[in-house]
Amino acid sequence: MAQLALAWCLKNPNVSSVITGASRASQVVENMKALECAEKLSPEIMERIEGVLKNKPEPESDYR
């Protein structure tokens, strides 16, 4: 689940940086597997995730 969460952050244009945390070397290895997972997150899958989360920010209004 952590890999998917990190991969979602990597693919999400509203996230400017992804900060991982680990207390063991094995956790670092697992966290880095999120890079492989991110490659599999197509726009369609991202939409399905957004449908489950229902927390996508509204686009900013342009008042120019």
N, C-alpha and C. Protein backbone atom coordinates (compact mmCIF):
# COMPACT_ATOMS: atom_id res chain seq x y z
N MET A 1 0.82 -1.19 0.00
CA MET A 1 0.00 0.00 0.00
C MET A 1 0.87 1.26 0.00
N ALA A 2 1.98 1.20 0.72
CA ALA A 2 2.87 2.37 0.75
C ALA A 2 3.42 2.68 -0.64
N GLN A 3 3.72 1.64 -1.41
CA GLN A 3 4.24 1.85 -2.76
C GLN A 3 3.21 2.56 -3.63
N LEU A 4 1.96 2.17 -3.52
CA LEU A 4 0.90 2.81 -4.31
C LEU A 4 0.73 4.26 -3.88
N ALA A 5 0.76 4.52 -2.59
CA ALA A 5 0.62 5.90 -2.09
C ALA A 5 1.76 6.78 -2.61
N LEU A 6 2.96 6.27 -2.57
CA LEU A 6 4.11 7.04 -3.07
C LEU A 6 4.02 7.21 -4.58
N ALA A 7 3.61 6.17 -5.29
CA ALA A 7 3.48 6.26 -6.75
C ALA A 7 2.42 7.29 -7.12
N TRP A 8 1.31 7.31 -6.38
CA TRP A 8 0.25 8.29 -6.64
C TRP A 8 0.80 9.71 -6.46
N CYS A 9 1.58 9.90 -5.42
CA CYS A 9 2.20 11.22 -5.20
C CYS A 9 3.12 11.60 -6.34
N LEU A 10 3.90 10.64 -6.82
CA LEU A 10 4.81 10.91 -7.93
C LEU A 10 4.06 11.33 -9.20
N LYS A 11 2.91 10.72 -9.45
CA LYS A 11 2.15 10.99 -10.67
C LYS A 11 1.21 12.18 -10.55
N ASN A 12 0.94 12.61 -9.34
CA ASN A 12 -0.04 13.65 -9.12
C ASN A 12 0.57 15.03 -9.40
N PRO A 13 0.01 15.79 -10.37
CA PRO A 13 0.59 17.10 -10.70
C PRO A 13 0.40 18.12 -9.59
N ASN A 14 -0.47 17.85 -8.62
CA ASN A 14 -0.67 18.78 -7.51
C ASN A 14 0.30 18.55 -6.36
N VAL A 15 1.17 17.57 -6.48
CA VAL A 15 2.17 17.27 -5.46
C VAL A 15 3.52 17.73 -5.98
N SER A 16 4.16 18.62 -5.24
CA SER A 16 5.42 19.19 -5.73
C SER A 16 6.64 18.35 -5.33
N SER A 17 6.55 17.62 -4.22
CA SER A 17 7.68 16.77 -3.83
C SER A 17 7.16 15.60 -3.01
N VAL A 18 7.86 14.51 -3.11
CA VAL A 18 7.50 13.29 -2.39
C VAL A 18 8.59 13.02 -1.36
N ILE A 19 8.21 13.01 -0.12
CA ILE A 19 9.16 12.77 0.97
C ILE A 19 8.83 11.42 1.57
N THR A 20 9.80 10.54 1.55
CA THR A 20 9.59 9.21 2.12
C THR A 20 10.21 9.17 3.51
N GLY A 21 9.72 8.26 4.30
CA GLY A 21 10.28 8.06 5.63
C GLY A 21 10.58 6.59 5.81
N ALA A 22 11.65 6.30 6.48
CA ALA A 22 12.02 4.92 6.73
C ALA A 22 12.89 4.86 7.97
N SER A 23 12.70 3.82 8.73
CA SER A 23 13.55 3.61 9.90
C SER A 23 14.46 2.39 9.72
N ARG A 24 14.23 1.66 8.63
CA ARG A 24 15.06 0.49 8.33
C ARG A 24 15.44 0.52 6.85
N ALA A 25 16.57 -0.08 6.54
CA ALA A 25 17.03 -0.13 5.15
C ALA A 25 16.02 -0.85 4.27
N SER A 26 15.37 -1.86 4.80
CA SER A 26 14.39 -2.61 4.01
C SER A 26 13.21 -1.72 3.61
N GLN A 27 12.87 -0.75 4.45
CA GLN A 27 11.79 0.17 4.10
C GLN A 27 12.20 1.08 2.94
N VAL A 28 13.45 1.47 2.90
CA VAL A 28 13.94 2.30 1.79
C VAL A 28 13.82 1.52 0.48
N VAL A 29 14.21 0.26 0.51
CA VAL A 29 14.12 -0.59 -0.68
C VAL A 29 12.66 -0.70 -1.13
N GLU A 30 11.76 -0.94 -0.20
CA GLU A 30 10.33 -1.04 -0.53
C GLU A 30 9.80 0.28 -1.07
N ASN A 31 10.18 1.39 -0.48
CA ASN A 31 9.72 2.70 -0.94
C ASN A 31 10.17 2.98 -2.37
N MET A 32 11.38 2.58 -2.71
CA MET A 32 11.89 2.84 -4.06
C MET A 32 11.17 2.02 -5.12
N LYS A 33 10.51 0.95 -4.73
CA LYS A 33 9.71 0.17 -5.67
C LYS A 33 8.51 0.96 -6.16
N ALA A 34 8.22 2.07 -5.51
CA ALA A 34 7.13 2.95 -5.96
C ALA A 34 7.42 3.50 -7.35
N LEU A 35 8.69 3.61 -7.71
CA LEU A 35 9.04 4.09 -9.05
C LEU A 35 8.52 3.13 -10.12
N GLU A 36 8.64 1.83 -9.86
CA GLU A 36 8.11 0.83 -10.79
C GLU A 36 6.59 0.89 -10.84
N CYS A 37 6.00 1.08 -9.70
CA CYS A 37 4.54 1.16 -9.60
C CYS A 37 4.02 2.39 -10.35
N ALA A 38 4.72 3.51 -10.24
CA ALA A 38 4.29 4.76 -10.88
C ALA A 38 4.23 4.60 -12.40
N GLU A 39 5.13 3.81 -12.96
CA GLU A 39 5.13 3.59 -14.41
C GLU A 39 3.85 2.92 -14.87
N LYS A 40 3.20 2.17 -13.99
CA LYS A 40 1.99 1.43 -14.34
C LYS A 40 0.72 2.25 -14.14
N LEU A 41 0.83 3.42 -13.54
CA LEU A 41 -0.36 4.24 -13.27
C LEU A 41 -0.71 5.08 -14.50
N SER A 42 -1.56 4.53 -15.33
CA SER A 42 -2.01 5.23 -16.53
C SER A 42 -3.01 6.32 -16.13
N PRO A 43 -3.31 7.23 -17.04
CA PRO A 43 -4.32 8.24 -16.73
C PRO A 43 -5.67 7.63 -16.32
N GLU A 44 -6.02 6.50 -16.92
CA GLU A 44 -7.28 5.84 -16.57
C GLU A 44 -7.25 5.32 -15.14
N ILE A 45 -6.14 4.75 -14.74
CA ILE A 45 -6.02 4.25 -13.37
C ILE A 45 -6.00 5.40 -12.39
N MET A 46 -5.32 6.48 -12.75
CA MET A 46 -5.32 7.67 -11.87
C MET A 46 -6.74 8.20 -11.69
N GLU A 47 -7.54 8.20 -12.75
CA GLU A 47 -8.93 8.63 -12.65
C GLU A 47 -9.72 7.74 -11.70
N ARG A 48 -9.48 6.43 -11.78
CA ARG A 48 -10.19 5.50 -10.89
C ARG A 48 -9.79 5.74 -9.44
N ILE A 49 -8.51 6.01 -9.20
CA ILE A 49 -8.05 6.31 -7.85
C ILE A 49 -8.70 7.59 -7.36
N GLU A 50 -8.73 8.61 -8.22
CA GLU A 50 -9.37 9.88 -7.84
C GLU A 50 -10.85 9.67 -7.52
N GLY A 51 -11.51 8.76 -8.26
CA GLY A 51 -12.91 8.46 -7.99
C GLY A 51 -13.13 7.85 -6.62
N VAL A 52 -12.17 7.08 -6.18
CA VAL A 52 -12.26 6.47 -4.84
C VAL A 52 -11.94 7.51 -3.77
N LEU A 53 -10.89 8.28 -3.98
CA LEU A 53 -10.46 9.26 -2.98
C LEU A 53 -11.42 10.44 -2.86
N LYS A 54 -11.90 10.91 -4.00
CA LYS A 54 -12.80 12.07 -4.06
C LYS A 54 -12.24 13.27 -3.29
N ASN A 55 -10.94 13.52 -3.50
CA ASN A 55 -10.33 14.67 -2.83
C ASN A 55 -9.50 15.53 -3.79
N LYS A 56 -9.80 15.42 -5.07
CA LYS A 56 -9.06 16.17 -6.08
C LYS A 56 -9.37 17.66 -5.90
N PRO A 57 -8.33 18.50 -5.84
CA PRO A 57 -8.58 19.94 -5.68
C PRO A 57 -9.30 20.53 -6.88
N GLU A 58 -10.12 21.51 -6.63
CA GLU A 58 -10.80 22.23 -7.71
C GLU A 58 -9.76 23.07 -8.43
N PRO A 59 -9.91 23.23 -9.76
CA PRO A 59 -8.98 24.10 -10.48
C PRO A 59 -9.09 25.53 -9.97
N GLU A 60 -7.96 26.19 -9.93
CA GLU A 60 -7.95 27.58 -9.48
C GLU A 60 -8.63 28.46 -10.52
N SER A 61 -9.38 29.43 -10.04
CA SER A 61 -10.06 30.36 -10.92
C SER A 61 -9.06 31.40 -11.43
N ASP A 62 -9.21 31.77 -12.69
CA ASP A 62 -8.35 32.79 -13.27
C ASP A 62 -9.19 34.06 -13.39
N TYR A 63 -8.90 35.02 -12.54
CA TYR A 63 -9.68 36.26 -12.50
C TYR A 63 -9.04 37.38 -13.29
N ARG A 64 -8.16 37.06 -14.23
CA ARG A 64 -7.53 38.11 -15.03
C ARG A 64 -8.49 38.70 -16.00
